[in-house]
Amino acid sequence: MDIQYNEEVVSQIAEHFESILQLLGEDPQREGLQKTPMRAAKALYYATNGYRMNPAEVMKQAIFEYAGSRLVVVKDIEIYSFCEHHILPFFGKVSIGYIPNGNMIGLSKLARVVDVFARRLQVQERLTAEICKEVFDTLSAKGVIVVCSAQHLCMKMRGVEKQDSSTTTIDYLGAFAEDPDLRNQFFESLKH
């Protein structure tokens, strides 16, 4: 993903990182840390690029006339996000299913819309719901279902320190909310 850095914003973030390093008891001027505030600022700016993207505009770049399939499933889209409670990463995979209603979307745009929402401070539950609603609304789909499975470093490296824990969230709208057989068809497709 190409990103345009706002140099003024990145510089301000770097100043804060330098202050944080000092507050932690580090010397930001020591050899290994001299460039760390700027590197960390650019990394955080990149990792939160979703704030500077419009999900509907991303999707509308590749909406086409419906070409025929009862169910479209894109599975195992990688996500990297930050827990809004601890600013620690969580990561995993998202799978999306939708039932077309006169149009369809270029498959890569589903992955891009996932990134728009994942690259913000998030909670997994909201991330799943936002993706589902955006795909449903922008495509005017008959139904959309989204499942997200992720591992949270806020549970692995602090707090309860449970290394093997993972979380799965599911959201669905339209036909998937009305028909459990459709939900089952989606989950069966994820097994293949």
Protein backbone atom coordinates (compact mmCIF):
# COMPACT_ATOMS: atom_id res chain seq x y z
CA MET A 1 0.00 0.00 0.00
CA ASP A 2 1.44 3.34 -1.04
CA ILE A 3 1.08 5.92 1.68
CA GLN A 4 1.59 9.65 1.66
CA TYR A 5 3.06 10.72 4.99
CA ASN A 6 2.00 14.04 6.47
CA GLU A 7 5.48 15.11 7.59
CA GLU A 8 4.18 17.63 10.14
CA VAL A 9 1.96 15.04 11.82
CA VAL A 10 4.69 12.38 11.74
CA SER A 11 7.17 14.81 13.31
CA GLN A 12 4.73 15.61 16.11
CA ILE A 13 4.14 11.91 16.76
CA ALA A 14 7.93 11.36 16.83
CA GLU A 15 8.29 14.07 19.49
CA HIS A 16 5.76 12.24 21.63
CA PHE A 17 7.59 8.96 21.16
CA GLU A 18 10.80 10.64 22.29
CA SER A 19 8.99 11.84 25.43
CA ILE A 20 7.58 8.36 26.03
CA LEU A 21 11.06 6.84 25.80
CA GLN A 22 12.31 9.34 28.38
CA LEU A 23 9.35 8.62 30.68
CA LEU A 24 10.13 4.91 30.46
CA GLY A 25 13.67 5.61 31.69
CA GLU A 26 15.45 5.37 28.34
CA ASP A 27 17.89 7.76 26.75
CA PRO A 28 16.49 8.59 23.27
CA GLN A 29 19.97 9.84 22.28
CA ARG A 30 21.74 6.53 22.81
CA GLU A 31 22.96 4.86 19.62
CA GLY A 32 20.19 2.28 19.23
CA LEU A 33 17.36 4.73 19.88
CA GLN A 34 18.40 7.87 17.99
CA LYS A 35 16.13 7.18 15.01
CA THR A 36 13.50 5.20 16.91
CA PRO A 37 11.03 8.05 17.54
CA MET A 38 10.79 8.84 13.82
CA ARG A 39 10.66 5.15 12.83
CA ALA A 40 7.95 4.49 15.39
CA ALA A 41 5.99 7.55 14.28
CA LYS A 42 6.07 6.45 10.63
CA ALA A 43 5.12 2.89 11.61
CA LEU A 44 2.16 4.09 13.67
CA TYR A 45 1.05 6.50 10.94
CA TYR A 46 1.19 3.65 8.42
CA ALA A 47 -0.57 1.18 10.70
CA THR A 48 -3.45 3.63 11.26
CA ASN A 49 -3.84 4.65 7.63
CA GLY A 50 -7.49 3.58 7.74
CA TYR A 51 -8.36 6.92 9.31
CA ARG A 52 -7.33 8.62 6.08
CA MET A 53 -9.34 6.37 3.73
CA ASN A 54 -13.03 6.34 2.86
CA PRO A 55 -14.30 2.73 2.72
CA ALA A 56 -17.17 3.45 0.32
CA GLU A 57 -14.81 5.24 -2.08
CA VAL A 58 -12.38 2.31 -1.95
CA MET A 59 -15.16 -0.13 -2.83
CA LYS A 60 -16.80 2.01 -5.51
CA GLN A 61 -13.61 1.86 -7.58
CA ALA A 62 -14.49 -1.70 -8.67
CA ILE A 63 -18.24 -2.33 -8.66
CA PHE A 64 -19.43 -4.18 -11.74
CA GLU A 65 -22.67 -5.50 -13.15
CA TYR A 66 -23.59 -8.81 -11.57
CA ALA A 67 -22.14 -11.73 -13.53
CA GLY A 68 -23.78 -14.64 -11.73
CA SER A 69 -23.00 -16.48 -8.54
CA ARG A 70 -25.40 -17.12 -5.71
CA LEU A 71 -22.76 -16.66 -3.03
CA VAL A 72 -19.34 -15.01 -3.23
CA VAL A 73 -16.84 -15.86 -0.48
CA VAL A 74 -13.39 -14.37 0.03
CA LYS A 75 -11.67 -16.06 2.93
CA ASP A 76 -8.57 -15.66 5.04
CA ILE A 77 -7.90 -11.96 4.44
CA GLU A 78 -5.07 -11.10 6.85
CA ILE A 79 -5.67 -8.28 9.33
CA TYR A 80 -3.34 -6.29 11.53
CA SER A 81 -4.87 -3.81 13.92
CA PHE A 82 -4.38 -2.15 17.29
CA CYS A 83 -6.57 -2.74 20.32
CA GLU A 84 -7.97 0.64 21.27
CA HIS A 85 -7.76 -0.21 24.98
CA HIS A 86 -4.02 -0.90 25.20
CA ILE A 87 -2.62 0.20 21.82
CA LEU A 88 -1.23 -3.32 21.37
CA PRO A 89 -1.56 -5.28 18.14
CA PHE A 90 -4.12 -7.89 17.30
CA PHE A 91 -3.94 -9.92 14.13
CA GLY A 92 -5.79 -12.67 12.35
CA LYS A 93 -8.02 -13.35 9.38
CA VAL A 94 -11.34 -12.13 8.05
CA SER A 95 -13.65 -14.02 5.70
CA ILE A 96 -16.50 -12.31 3.87
CA GLY A 97 -19.49 -13.78 2.07
CA TYR A 98 -22.09 -11.84 0.14
CA ILE A 99 -25.11 -12.53 -2.03
CA PRO A 100 -25.08 -10.21 -5.05
CA ASN A 101 -28.08 -8.04 -5.87
CA GLY A 102 -27.45 -6.71 -9.37
CA ASN A 103 -23.77 -5.93 -8.91
CA MET A 104 -20.55 -7.40 -7.64
CA ILE A 105 -17.21 -6.06 -6.49
CA GLY A 106 -13.64 -6.69 -7.57
CA LEU A 107 -12.35 -9.21 -5.06
CA SER A 108 -9.29 -7.19 -4.09
CA LYS A 109 -11.57 -4.36 -2.96
CA LEU A 110 -12.97 -6.59 -0.24
CA ALA A 111 -9.44 -7.02 1.10
CA ARG A 112 -8.90 -3.26 0.84
CA VAL A 113 -12.07 -2.40 2.75
CA VAL A 114 -10.96 -4.81 5.48
CA ASP A 115 -7.70 -2.82 5.73
CA VAL A 116 -9.58 0.50 5.91
CA PHE A 117 -11.27 -0.61 9.11
CA ALA A 118 -8.43 -2.73 10.53
CA ARG A 119 -5.89 0.06 10.21
CA ARG A 120 -7.49 2.10 12.98
CA LEU A 121 -7.63 1.73 16.73
CA GLN A 122 -10.25 -0.98 17.05
CA VAL A 123 -12.06 -3.62 18.99
CA GLN A 124 -12.60 -6.82 17.05
CA GLU A 125 -16.36 -6.78 17.54
CA ARG A 126 -16.74 -3.35 15.95
CA LEU A 127 -14.25 -4.18 13.18
CA THR A 128 -16.36 -7.18 12.14
CA ALA A 129 -19.61 -5.17 12.22
CA GLU A 130 -18.14 -2.21 10.29
CA ILE A 131 -16.88 -4.44 7.47
CA CYS A 132 -20.23 -6.22 7.27
CA LYS A 133 -22.28 -3.01 7.16
CA GLU A 134 -20.02 -1.31 4.61
CA VAL A 135 -20.13 -4.23 2.18
CA PHE A 136 -23.90 -4.56 2.66
CA ASP A 137 -24.60 -0.86 2.16
CA THR A 138 -22.13 -0.12 -0.65
CA LEU A 139 -23.07 -3.16 -2.74
CA SER A 140 -26.78 -3.12 -1.81
CA ALA A 141 -26.20 -6.85 -1.36
CA LYS A 142 -29.01 -9.25 -0.54
CA GLY A 143 -26.94 -10.45 2.37
CA VAL A 144 -23.46 -10.19 3.88
CA ILE A 145 -21.68 -12.28 6.49
CA VAL A 146 -18.28 -11.62 8.04
CA VAL A 147 -16.25 -13.77 10.40
CA CYS A 148 -13.06 -12.56 12.06
CA SER A 149 -10.65 -14.72 14.06
CA ALA A 150 -7.79 -12.95 15.79
CA GLN A 151 -5.15 -13.17 18.47
CA HIS A 152 -4.68 -10.20 20.79
CA LEU A 153 -1.30 -9.29 22.24
CA CYS A 154 -3.09 -7.47 25.06
CA MET A 155 -4.17 -10.96 26.23
CA LYS A 156 -0.87 -12.68 25.43
CA MET A 157 1.82 -10.33 26.74
CA ARG A 158 0.06 -8.55 29.61
CA GLY A 159 -2.93 -9.07 31.86
CA VAL A 160 -4.04 -12.71 31.80
CA GLU A 161 -1.08 -13.78 29.60
CA LYS A 162 -2.96 -16.57 27.83
CA GLN A 163 -0.74 -17.56 24.90
CA ASP A 164 -3.13 -19.86 23.05
CA SER A 165 -6.23 -17.70 23.25
CA SER A 166 -8.01 -16.43 20.16
CA THR A 167 -11.28 -14.63 19.56
CA THR A 168 -13.86 -15.14 16.82
CA THR A 169 -16.53 -12.58 15.98
CA ILE A 170 -19.34 -12.96 13.46
CA ASP A 171 -21.75 -10.44 12.01
CA TYR A 172 -24.35 -10.77 9.29
CA LEU A 173 -27.07 -8.74 7.62
CA GLY A 174 -29.92 -9.26 5.19
CA ALA A 175 -30.52 -12.79 3.94
CA PHE A 176 -27.89 -14.23 6.29
CA ALA A 177 -29.81 -12.87 9.27
CA GLU A 178 -33.02 -14.45 8.02
CA ASP A 179 -31.81 -17.86 6.84
CA PRO A 180 -29.66 -20.15 9.01
CA ASP A 181 -29.12 -22.44 5.99
CA LEU A 182 -27.29 -19.61 4.21
CA ARG A 183 -25.09 -19.10 7.25
CA ASN A 184 -24.33 -22.84 7.28
CA GLN A 185 -23.50 -22.74 3.55
CA PHE A 186 -21.04 -19.92 4.21
CA PHE A 187 -19.36 -21.78 7.07
CA GLU A 188 -19.18 -24.97 5.00
CA SER A 189 -17.45 -23.02 2.21
CA LEU A 190 -14.77 -21.92 4.70
CA LYS A 191 -13.81 -25.55 5.29
CA HIS A 192 -12.75 -26.10 1.65
